[in-house]
Amino acid sequence: MVAYSQNELASSTDISKQFGHYLSNVSNGIVEKLAILKNNKIEAVMIPTALYESLINLLDEKEDIEILKTIEKRLETSKEEYLDGNDVLKELNLSMND
C-alpha cells in the first residue's frame, strides 16, 4: 500500500474550491502525488503528467513481456500437439462461414 503524508491528502471539496493550488503543487513538484478523498476514502490520485506517462509505458512493456513469454511457450509446443483448426471449430459448433 502506498503511504501518503498529510500534505498529500485533500478532500474532494477542497480540491473543487482550490483546484489551481493543488494542481500547481503537483505540477511543480511540491508534492509527489495528491490523494483525493471522498468520505474519508481515497478515490483518486493526482500525479504529474510525466509520471503518469512513465507508468503507462511500464504497463505497456509489461504486457509486451507477457505476450513474448506466451509466444515463447507456444514455440516450445511440438507439432504433434498442434490442434487441427477444423476439429476445433466443429467442437465449438462453429464454421468458417460464421
PDB file of N, CA and C in Angstrom:
ATOM      1  N   MET A   1       0.840  -1.181   0.000  1.00  0.00           N
ATOM      2  CA  MET A   1       0.000   0.000   0.000  1.00  0.00           C
ATOM      3  C   MET A   1       0.886   1.246   0.000  1.00  0.00           C
ATOM      4  N   VAL A   2       0.458   2.237  -0.704  1.00  0.00           N
ATOM      5  CA  VAL A   2       1.196   3.496  -0.808  1.00  0.00           C
ATOM      6  C   VAL A   2       0.923   4.350   0.425  1.00  0.00           C
ATOM      7  N   ALA A   3       1.968   4.965   0.946  1.00  0.00           N
ATOM      8  CA  ALA A   3       1.820   5.856   2.102  1.00  0.00           C
ATOM      9  C   ALA A   3       1.707   7.297   1.621  1.00  0.00           C
ATOM     10  N   TYR A   4       0.900   8.060   2.308  1.00  0.00           N
ATOM     11  CA  TYR A   4       0.693   9.473   1.990  1.00  0.00           C
ATOM     12  C   TYR A   4       0.983  10.310   3.220  1.00  0.00           C
ATOM     13  N   SER A   5       1.697  11.398   3.009  1.00  0.00           N
ATOM     14  CA  SER A   5       1.898  12.341   4.103  1.00  0.00           C
ATOM     15  C   SER A   5       0.665  13.246   4.174  1.00  0.00           C
ATOM     16  N   GLN A   6       0.558  13.988   5.231  1.00  0.00           N
ATOM     17  CA  GLN A   6      -0.617  14.848   5.436  1.00  0.00           C
ATOM     18  C   GLN A   6      -0.795  15.854   4.301  1.00  0.00           C
ATOM     19  N   ASN A   7       0.315  16.389   3.786  1.00  0.00           N
ATOM     20  CA  ASN A   7       0.201  17.384   2.712  1.00  0.00           C
ATOM     21  C   ASN A   7      -0.092  16.745   1.342  1.00  0.00           C
ATOM     22  N   GLU A   8      -0.162  15.430   1.295  1.00  0.00           N
ATOM     23  CA  GLU A   8      -0.505  14.713   0.061  1.00  0.00           C
ATOM     24  C   GLU A   8      -1.954  14.224   0.064  1.00  0.00           C
ATOM     25  N   LEU A   9      -2.738  14.738   1.005  1.00  0.00           N
ATOM     26  CA  LEU A   9      -4.148  14.363   1.110  1.00  0.00           C
ATOM     27  C   LEU A   9      -5.014  15.613   1.012  1.00  0.00           C
ATOM     28  N   ALA A  10      -6.103  15.509   0.254  1.00  0.00           N
ATOM     29  CA  ALA A  10      -7.034  16.640   0.152  1.00  0.00           C
ATOM     30  C   ALA A  10      -8.428  16.092  -0.108  1.00  0.00           C
ATOM     31  N   SER A  11      -9.402  16.721   0.504  1.00  0.00           N
ATOM     32  CA  SER A  11     -10.787  16.290   0.278  1.00  0.00           C
ATOM     33  C   SER A  11     -11.242  16.752  -1.098  1.00  0.00           C
ATOM     34  N   SER A  12     -12.226  16.070  -1.639  1.00  0.00           N
ATOM     35  CA  SER A  12     -12.753  16.468  -2.949  1.00  0.00           C
ATOM     36  C   SER A  12     -13.343  17.876  -2.880  1.00  0.00           C
ATOM     37  N   THR A  13     -13.886  18.241  -1.728  1.00  0.00           N
ATOM     38  CA  THR A  13     -14.422  19.597  -1.548  1.00  0.00           C
ATOM     39  C   THR A  13     -13.307  20.630  -1.651  1.00  0.00           C
ATOM     40  N   ASP A  14     -12.189  20.377  -0.952  1.00  0.00           N
ATOM     41  CA  ASP A  14     -11.055  21.301  -1.027  1.00  0.00           C
ATOM     42  C   ASP A  14     -10.497  21.379  -2.436  1.00  0.00           C
ATOM     43  N   ILE A  15     -10.435  20.237  -3.111  1.00  0.00           N
ATOM     44  CA  ILE A  15      -9.936  20.213  -4.496  1.00  0.00           C
ATOM     45  C   ILE A  15     -10.818  21.089  -5.370  1.00  0.00           C
ATOM     46  N   SER A  16     -12.134  20.961  -5.212  1.00  0.00           N
ATOM     47  CA  SER A  16     -13.039  21.737  -6.071  1.00  0.00           C
ATOM     48  C   SER A  16     -12.930  23.238  -5.799  1.00  0.00           C
ATOM     49  N   LYS A  17     -12.617  23.593  -4.557  1.00  0.00           N
ATOM     50  CA  LYS A  17     -12.508  25.011  -4.203  1.00  0.00           C
ATOM     51  C   LYS A  17     -11.151  25.604  -4.574  1.00  0.00           C
ATOM     52  N   GLN A  18     -10.106  24.788  -4.541  1.00  0.00           N
ATOM     53  CA  GLN A  18      -8.750  25.299  -4.768  1.00  0.00           C
ATOM     54  C   GLN A  18      -7.989  24.435  -5.776  1.00  0.00           C
ATOM     55  N   PHE A  19      -8.656  24.078  -6.851  1.00  0.00           N
ATOM     56  CA  PHE A  19      -8.048  23.168  -7.826  1.00  0.00           C
ATOM     57  C   PHE A  19      -6.704  23.678  -8.341  1.00  0.00           C
ATOM     58  N   GLY A  20      -6.643  24.929  -8.700  1.00  0.00           N
ATOM     59  CA  GLY A  20      -5.401  25.508  -9.228  1.00  0.00           C
ATOM     60  C   GLY A  20      -4.238  25.374  -8.268  1.00  0.00           C
ATOM     61  N   HIS A  21      -4.503  25.596  -7.004  1.00  0.00           N
ATOM     62  CA  HIS A  21      -3.467  25.488  -5.970  1.00  0.00           C
ATOM     63  C   HIS A  21      -2.916  24.062  -5.910  1.00  0.00           C
ATOM     64  N   TYR A  22      -3.816  23.087  -5.847  1.00  0.00           N
ATOM     65  CA  TYR A  22      -3.390  21.694  -5.745  1.00  0.00           C
ATOM     66  C   TYR A  22      -2.701  21.228  -7.024  1.00  0.00           C
ATOM     67  N   LEU A  23      -3.225  21.638  -8.173  1.00  0.00           N
ATOM     68  CA  LEU A  23      -2.607  21.280  -9.441  1.00  0.00           C
ATOM     69  C   LEU A  23      -1.197  21.854  -9.528  1.00  0.00           C
ATOM     70  N   SER A  24      -1.038  23.070  -9.095  1.00  0.00           N
ATOM     71  CA  SER A  24       0.276  23.711  -9.096  1.00  0.00           C
ATOM     72  C   SER A  24       1.244  22.959  -8.188  1.00  0.00           C
ATOM     73  N   ASN A  25       0.781  22.549  -7.015  1.00  0.00           N
ATOM     74  CA  ASN A  25       1.640  21.799  -6.089  1.00  0.00           C
ATOM     75  C   ASN A  25       2.142  20.503  -6.709  1.00  0.00           C
ATOM     76  N   VAL A  26       1.265  19.808  -7.436  1.00  0.00           N
ATOM     77  CA  VAL A  26       1.665  18.555  -8.081  1.00  0.00           C
ATOM     78  C   VAL A  26       2.565  18.850  -9.278  1.00  0.00           C
ATOM     79  N   SER A  27       2.163  19.798 -10.110  1.00  0.00           N
ATOM     80  CA  SER A  27       2.923  20.119 -11.328  1.00  0.00           C
ATOM     81  C   SER A  27       4.319  20.632 -11.026  1.00  0.00           C
ATOM     82  N   ASN A  28       4.457  21.402  -9.957  1.00  0.00           N
ATOM     83  CA  ASN A  28       5.750  21.991  -9.604  1.00  0.00           C
ATOM     84  C   ASN A  28       6.593  21.113  -8.685  1.00  0.00           C
ATOM     85  N   GLY A  29       6.105  19.932  -8.362  1.00  0.00           N
ATOM     86  CA  GLY A  29       6.877  19.002  -7.547  1.00  0.00           C
ATOM     87  C   GLY A  29       6.884  19.308  -6.069  1.00  0.00           C
ATOM     88  N   ILE A  30       6.008  20.201  -5.615  1.00  0.00           N
ATOM     89  CA  ILE A  30       5.918  20.495  -4.179  1.00  0.00           C
ATOM     90  C   ILE A  30       5.444  19.244  -3.442  1.00  0.00           C
ATOM     91  N   VAL A  31       4.516  18.520  -4.070  1.00  0.00           N
ATOM     92  CA  VAL A  31       4.123  17.194  -3.586  1.00  0.00           C
ATOM     93  C   VAL A  31       4.303  16.212  -4.742  1.00  0.00           C
ATOM     94  N   GLU A  32       4.699  14.993  -4.414  1.00  0.00           N
ATOM     95  CA  GLU A  32       4.925  13.961  -5.438  1.00  0.00           C
ATOM     96  C   GLU A  32       3.613  13.463  -6.018  1.00  0.00           C
ATOM     97  N   LYS A  33       2.611  13.401  -5.154  1.00  0.00           N
ATOM     98  CA  LYS A  33       1.289  12.898  -5.530  1.00  0.00           C
ATOM     99  C   LYS A  33       0.262  13.537  -4.611  1.00  0.00           C
ATOM    100  N   LEU A  34      -0.990  13.516  -5.044  1.00  0.00           N
ATOM    101  CA  LEU A  34      -2.035  14.081  -4.208  1.00  0.00           C
ATOM    102  C   LEU A  34      -3.225  13.126  -4.207  1.00  0.00           C
ATOM    103  N   ALA A  35      -3.505  12.561  -3.046  1.00  0.00           N
ATOM    104  CA  ALA A  35      -4.648  11.660  -2.911  1.00  0.00           C
ATOM    105  C   ALA A  35      -5.898  12.492  -2.658  1.00  0.00           C
ATOM    106  N   ILE A  36      -6.925  12.217  -3.436  1.00  0.00           N
ATOM    107  CA  ILE A  36      -8.183  12.950  -3.312  1.00  0.00           C
ATOM    108  C   ILE A  36      -9.159  12.083  -2.530  1.00  0.00           C
ATOM    109  N   LEU A  37      -9.629  12.636  -1.414  1.00  0.00           N
ATOM    110  CA  LEU A  37     -10.506  11.897  -0.504  1.00  0.00           C
ATOM    111  C   LEU A  37     -11.971  12.237  -0.738  1.00  0.00           C
ATOM    112  N   LYS A  38     -12.789  11.223  -0.666  1.00  0.00           N
ATOM    113  CA  LYS A  38     -14.238  11.410  -0.675  1.00  0.00           C
ATOM    114  C   LYS A  38     -14.784  10.508   0.423  1.00  0.00           C
ATOM    115  N   ASN A  39     -15.480  11.101   1.364  1.00  0.00           N
ATOM    116  CA  ASN A  39     -15.969  10.363   2.538  1.00  0.00           C
ATOM    117  C   ASN A  39     -14.822   9.639   3.247  1.00  0.00           C
ATOM    118  N   ASN A  40     -13.697  10.351   3.367  1.00  0.00           N
ATOM    119  CA  ASN A  40     -12.507   9.855   4.060  1.00  0.00           C
ATOM    120  C   ASN A  40     -11.881   8.614   3.419  1.00  0.00           C
ATOM    121  N   LYS A  41     -12.191   8.360   2.150  1.00  0.00           N
ATOM    122  CA  LYS A  41     -11.570   7.262   1.403  1.00  0.00           C
ATOM    123  C   LYS A  41     -10.875   7.847   0.190  1.00  0.00           C
ATOM    124  N   ILE A  42      -9.713   7.301  -0.129  1.00  0.00           N
ATOM    125  CA  ILE A  42      -9.008   7.769  -1.322  1.00  0.00           C
ATOM    126  C   ILE A  42      -9.769   7.296  -2.559  1.00  0.00           C
ATOM    127  N   GLU A  43     -10.191   8.265  -3.366  1.00  0.00           N
ATOM    128  CA  GLU A  43     -10.956   7.966  -4.579  1.00  0.00           C
ATOM    129  C   GLU A  43     -10.111   8.101  -5.835  1.00  0.00           C
ATOM    130  N   ALA A  44      -9.095   8.957  -5.803  1.00  0.00           N
ATOM    131  CA  ALA A  44      -8.244   9.182  -6.958  1.00  0.00           C
ATOM    132  C   ALA A  44      -6.923   9.765  -6.489  1.00  0.00           C
ATOM    133  N   VAL A  45      -5.943   9.719  -7.380  1.00  0.00           N
ATOM    134  CA  VAL A  45      -4.641  10.289  -7.074  1.00  0.00           C
ATOM    135  C   VAL A  45      -4.215  11.167  -8.246  1.00  0.00           C
ATOM    136  N   MET A  46      -3.792  12.369  -7.948  1.00  0.00           N
ATOM    137  CA  MET A  46      -3.285  13.291  -8.957  1.00  0.00           C
ATOM    138  C   MET A  46      -1.762  13.180  -8.955  1.00  0.00           C
ATOM    139  N   ILE A  47      -1.198  12.934 -10.150  1.00  0.00           N
ATOM    140  CA  ILE A  47       0.247  12.822 -10.301  1.00  0.00           C
ATOM    141  C   ILE A  47       0.681  13.656 -11.506  1.00  0.00           C
ATOM    142  N   PRO A  48       1.955  14.011 -11.576  1.00  0.00           N
ATOM    143  CA  PRO A  48       2.435  14.772 -12.732  1.00  0.00           C
ATOM    144  C   PRO A  48       2.290  13.960 -14.026  1.00  0.00           C
ATOM    145  N   THR A  49       2.110  14.652 -15.125  1.00  0.00           N
ATOM    146  CA  THR A  49       1.931  14.017 -16.426  1.00  0.00           C
ATOM    147  C   THR A  49       3.089  13.091 -16.767  1.00  0.00           C
ATOM    148  N   ALA A  50       4.311  13.526 -16.525  1.00  0.00           N
ATOM    149  CA  ALA A  50       5.484  12.710 -16.861  1.00  0.00           C
ATOM    150  C   ALA A  50       5.466  11.379 -16.120  1.00  0.00           C
ATOM    151  N   LEU A  51       5.073  11.402 -14.847  1.00  0.00           N
ATOM    152  CA  LEU A  51       4.997  10.174 -14.068  1.00  0.00           C
ATOM    153  C   LEU A  51       3.895   9.272 -14.608  1.00  0.00           C
ATOM    154  N   TYR A  52       2.746   9.849 -14.926  1.00  0.00           N
ATOM    155  CA  TYR A  52       1.642   9.072 -15.488  1.00  0.00           C
ATOM    156  C   TYR A  52       2.077   8.391 -16.785  1.00  0.00           C
ATOM    157  N   GLU A  53       2.734   9.155 -17.671  1.00  0.00           N
ATOM    158  CA  GLU A  53       3.177   8.585 -18.941  1.00  0.00           C
ATOM    159  C   GLU A  53       4.202   7.478 -18.724  1.00  0.00           C
ATOM    160  N   SER A  54       5.079   7.644 -17.751  1.00  0.00           N
ATOM    161  CA  SER A  54       6.055   6.597 -17.424  1.00  0.00           C
ATOM    162  C   SER A  54       5.363   5.333 -16.949  1.00  0.00           C
ATOM    163  N   LEU A  55       4.359   5.496 -16.112  1.00  0.00           N
ATOM    164  CA  LEU A  55       3.617   4.338 -15.613  1.00  0.00           C
ATOM    165  C   LEU A  55       2.898   3.604 -16.742  1.00  0.00           C
ATOM    166  N   ILE A  56       2.293   4.363 -17.652  1.00  0.00           N
ATOM    167  CA  ILE A  56       1.613   3.748 -18.794  1.00  0.00           C
ATOM    168  C   ILE A  56       2.616   2.999 -19.664  1.00  0.00           C
ATOM    169  N   ASN A  57       3.787   3.598 -19.898  1.00  0.00           N
ATOM    170  CA  ASN A  57       4.825   2.920 -20.682  1.00  0.00           C
ATOM    171  C   ASN A  57       5.282   1.635 -20.007  1.00  0.00           C
ATOM    172  N   LEU A  58       5.423   1.656 -18.683  1.00  0.00           N
ATOM    173  CA  LEU A  58       5.803   0.449 -17.952  1.00  0.00           C
ATOM    174  C   LEU A  58       4.735  -0.638 -18.086  1.00  0.00           C
ATOM    175  N   LEU A  59       3.474  -0.244 -18.001  1.00  0.00           N
ATOM    176  CA  LEU A  59       2.394  -1.220 -18.174  1.00  0.00           C
ATOM    177  C   LEU A  59       2.418  -1.813 -19.575  1.00  0.00           C
ATOM    178  N   ASP A  60       2.667  -0.972 -20.581  1.00  0.00           N
ATOM    179  CA  ASP A  60       2.759  -1.463 -21.956  1.00  0.00           C
ATOM    180  C   ASP A  60       3.920  -2.447 -22.110  1.00  0.00           C
ATOM    181  N   GLU A  61       5.060  -2.118 -21.515  1.00  0.00           N
ATOM    182  CA  GLU A  61       6.219  -3.011 -21.574  1.00  0.00           C
ATOM    183  C   GLU A  61       5.923  -4.332 -20.872  1.00  0.00           C
ATOM    184  N   LYS A  62       5.241  -4.260 -19.736  1.00  0.00           N
ATOM    185  CA  LYS A  62       4.882  -5.480 -19.008  1.00  0.00           C
ATOM    186  C   LYS A  62       3.978  -6.363 -19.864  1.00  0.00           C
ATOM    187  N   GLU A  63       3.028  -5.754 -20.535  1.00  0.00           N
ATOM    188  CA  GLU A  63       2.132  -6.511 -21.410  1.00  0.00           C
ATOM    189  C   GLU A  63       2.923  -7.138 -22.562  1.00  0.00           C
ATOM    190  N   ASP A  64       3.861  -6.375 -23.139  1.00  0.00           N
ATOM    191  CA  ASP A  64       4.694  -6.907 -24.218  1.00  0.00           C
ATOM    192  C   ASP A  64       5.505  -8.112 -23.742  1.00  0.00           C
ATOM    193  N   ILE A  65       6.046  -8.037 -22.528  1.00  0.00           N
ATOM    194  CA  ILE A  65       6.822  -9.148 -21.965  1.00  0.00           C
ATOM    195  C   ILE A  65       5.937 -10.369 -21.775  1.00  0.00           C
ATOM    196  N   GLU A  66       4.716 -10.165 -21.295  1.00  0.00           N
ATOM    197  CA  GLU A  66       3.797 -11.288 -21.106  1.00  0.00           C
ATOM    198  C   GLU A  66       3.441 -11.925 -22.448  1.00  0.00           C
ATOM    199  N   ILE A  67       3.245 -11.115 -23.479  1.00  0.00           N
ATOM    200  CA  ILE A  67       2.957 -11.642 -24.815  1.00  0.00           C
ATOM    201  C   ILE A  67       4.158 -12.426 -25.329  1.00  0.00           C
ATOM    202  N   LEU A  68       5.360 -11.893 -25.135  1.00  0.00           N
ATOM    203  CA  LEU A  68       6.565 -12.587 -25.559  1.00  0.00           C
ATOM    204  C   LEU A  68       6.691 -13.938 -24.860  1.00  0.00           C
ATOM    205  N   LYS A  69       6.432 -13.982 -23.565  1.00  0.00           N
ATOM    206  CA  LYS A  69       6.507 -15.247 -22.822  1.00  0.00           C
ATOM    207  C   LYS A  69       5.504 -16.249 -23.374  1.00  0.00           C
ATOM    208  N   THR A  70       4.301 -15.784 -23.712  1.00  0.00           N
ATOM    209  CA  THR A  70       3.283 -16.672 -24.283  1.00  0.00           C
ATOM    210  C   THR A  70       3.754 -17.226 -25.626  1.00  0.00           C
ATOM    211  N   ILE A  71       4.315 -16.351 -26.449  1.00  0.00           N
ATOM    212  CA  ILE A  71       4.817 -16.782 -27.754  1.00  0.00           C
ATOM    213  C   ILE A  71       5.938 -17.805 -27.588  1.00  0.00           C
ATOM    214  N   GLU A  72       6.884 -17.510 -26.686  1.00  0.00           N
ATOM    215  CA  GLU A  72       7.994 -18.436 -26.459  1.00  0.00           C
ATOM    216  C   GLU A  72       7.495 -19.790 -25.976  1.00  0.00           C
ATOM    217  N   LYS A  73       6.509 -19.780 -25.094  1.00  0.00           N
ATOM    218  CA  LYS A  73       5.949 -21.040 -24.593  1.00  0.00           C
ATOM    219  C   LYS A  73       5.276 -21.809 -25.725  1.00  0.00           C
ATOM    220  N   ARG A  74       4.554 -21.097 -26.576  1.00  0.00           N
ATOM    221  CA  ARG A  74       3.877 -21.764 -27.694  1.00  0.00           C
ATOM    222  C   ARG A  74       4.870 -22.292 -28.717  1.00  0.00           C
ATOM    223  N   LEU A  75       6.007 -21.632 -28.873  1.00  0.00           N
ATOM    224  CA  LEU A  75       7.029 -22.106 -29.798  1.00  0.00           C
ATOM    225  C   LEU A  75       7.637 -23.426 -29.332  1.00  0.00           C
ATOM    226  N   GLU A  76       7.534 -23.707 -28.034  1.00  0.00           N
ATOM    227  CA  GLU A  76       8.051 -24.964 -27.491  1.00  0.00           C
ATOM    228  C   GLU A  76       7.094 -26.125 -27.742  1.00  0.00           C
ATOM    229  N   THR A  77       5.887 -25.828 -28.213  1.00  0.00           N
ATOM    230  CA  THR A  77       4.889 -26.869 -28.475  1.00  0.00           C
ATOM    231  C   THR A  77       5.315 -27.693 -29.689  1.00  0.00           C
ATOM    232  N   SER A  78       5.341 -29.000 -29.519  1.00  0.00           N
ATOM    233  CA  SER A  78       5.721 -29.860 -30.643  1.00  0.00           C
ATOM    234  C   SER A  78       4.574 -29.936 -31.642  1.00  0.00           C
ATOM    235  N   LYS A  79       4.915 -30.251 -32.888  1.00  0.00           N
ATOM    236  CA  LYS A  79       3.899 -30.313 -33.941  1.00  0.00           C
ATOM    237  C   LYS A  79       2.856 -31.379 -33.638  1.00  0.00           C
ATOM    238  N   GLU A  80       3.229 -32.393 -32.910  1.00  0.00           N
ATOM    239  CA  GLU A  80       2.283 -33.452 -32.550  1.00  0.00           C
ATOM    240  C   GLU A  80       1.162 -32.931 -31.651  1.00  0.00           C
ATOM    241  N   GLU A  81       1.454 -31.862 -30.922  1.00  0.00           N
ATOM    242  CA  GLU A  81       0.466 -31.289 -30.011  1.00  0.00           C
ATOM    243  C   GLU A  81      -0.445 -30.270 -30.689  1.00  0.00           C
ATOM    244  N   TYR A  82      -0.148 -29.910 -31.928  1.00  0.00           N
ATOM    245  CA  TYR A  82      -0.976 -28.935 -32.642  1.00  0.00           C
ATOM    246  C   TYR A  82      -2.397 -29.461 -32.776  1.00  0.00           C
ATOM    247  N   LEU A  83      -3.344 -28.576 -32.751  1.00  0.00           N
ATOM    248  CA  LEU A  83      -4.740 -28.931 -32.947  1.00  0.00           C
ATOM    249  C   LEU A  83      -5.144 -28.560 -34.362  1.00  0.00           C
ATOM    250  N   ASP A  84      -5.962 -29.389 -34.956  1.00  0.00           N
ATOM    251  CA  ASP A  84      -6.474 -29.092 -36.283  1.00  0.00           C
ATOM    252  C   ASP A  84      -7.568 -28.040 -36.150  1.00  0.00           C
ATOM    253  N   GLY A  85      -7.454 -26.968 -36.916  1.00  0.00           N
ATOM    254  CA  GLY A  85      -8.417 -25.875 -36.834  1.00  0.00           C
ATOM    255  C   GLY A  85      -9.843 -26.297 -37.109  1.00  0.00           C
ATOM    256  N   ASN A  86     -10.031 -27.167 -38.089  1.00  0.00           N
ATOM    257  CA  ASN A  86     -11.383 -27.632 -38.415  1.00  0.00           C
ATOM    258  C   ASN A  86     -11.983 -28.431 -37.268  1.00  0.00           C
ATOM    259  N   ASP A  87     -11.160 -29.254 -36.598  1.00  0.00           N
ATOM    260  CA  ASP A  87     -11.651 -30.026 -35.448  1.00  0.00           C
ATOM    261  C   ASP A  87     -12.071 -29.104 -34.306  1.00  0.00           C
ATOM    262  N   VAL A  88     -11.295 -28.068 -34.084  1.00  0.00           N
ATOM    263  CA  VAL A  88     -11.617 -27.106 -33.022  1.00  0.00           C
ATOM    264  C   VAL A  88     -12.934 -26.409 -33.344  1.00  0.00           C
ATOM    265  N   LEU A  89     -13.105 -25.975 -34.595  1.00  0.00           N
ATOM    266  CA  LEU A  89     -14.357 -25.324 -34.996  1.00  0.00           C
ATOM    267  C   LEU A  89     -15.549 -26.246 -34.801  1.00  0.00           C
ATOM    268  N   LYS A  90     -15.411 -27.507 -35.189  1.00  0.00           N
ATOM    269  CA  LYS A  90     -16.507 -28.485 -35.025  1.00  0.00           C
ATOM    270  C   LYS A  90     -16.849 -28.649 -33.542  1.00  0.00           C
ATOM    271  N   GLU A  91     -15.813 -28.742 -32.728  1.00  0.00           N
ATOM    272  CA  GLU A  91     -16.022 -28.916 -31.282  1.00  0.00           C
ATOM    273  C   GLU A  91     -16.786 -27.746 -30.688  1.00  0.00           C
ATOM    274  N   LEU A  92     -16.580 -26.563 -31.255  1.00  0.00           N
ATOM    275  CA  LEU A  92     -17.242 -25.340 -30.766  1.00  0.00           C
ATOM    276  C   LEU A  92     -18.516 -25.044 -31.544  1.00  0.00           C
ATOM    277  N   ASN A  93     -18.922 -25.989 -32.394  1.00  0.00           N
ATOM    278  CA  ASN A  93     -20.115 -25.805 -33.245  1.00  0.00           C
ATOM    279  C   ASN A  93     -20.036 -24.517 -34.068  1.00  0.00           C
ATOM    280  N   LEU A  94     -18.858 -24.294 -34.644  1.00  0.00           N
ATOM    281  CA  LEU A  94     -18.623 -23.140 -35.484  1.00  0.00           C
ATOM    282  C   LEU A  94     -18.142 -23.597 -36.853  1.00  0.00           C
ATOM    283  N   SER A  95     -18.191 -22.691 -37.799  1.00  0.00           N
ATOM    284  CA  SER A  95     -17.613 -22.977 -39.114  1.00  0.00           C
ATOM    285  C   SER A  95     -16.951 -21.702 -39.603  1.00  0.00           C
ATOM    286  N   MET A  96     -16.182 -21.834 -40.669  1.00  0.00           N
ATOM    287  CA  MET A  96     -15.501 -20.665 -41.236  1.00  0.00           C
ATOM    288  C   MET A  96     -16.483 -19.665 -41.814  1.00  0.00           C
ATOM    289  N   ASN A  97     -17.728 -20.070 -42.016  1.00  0.00           N
ATOM    290  CA  ASN A  97     -18.743 -19.208 -42.593  1.00  0.00           C
ATOM    291  C   ASN A  97     -19.476 -18.377 -41.538  1.00  0.00           C
ATOM    292  N   ASP A  98     -19.205 -18.636 -40.262  1.00  0.00           N
ATOM    293  CA  ASP A  98     -19.908 -17.901 -39.177  1.00  0.00           C
ATOM    294  C   ASP A  98     -19.352 -16.527 -39.006  1.00  0.00           C
TER     295      ASP A  98
END
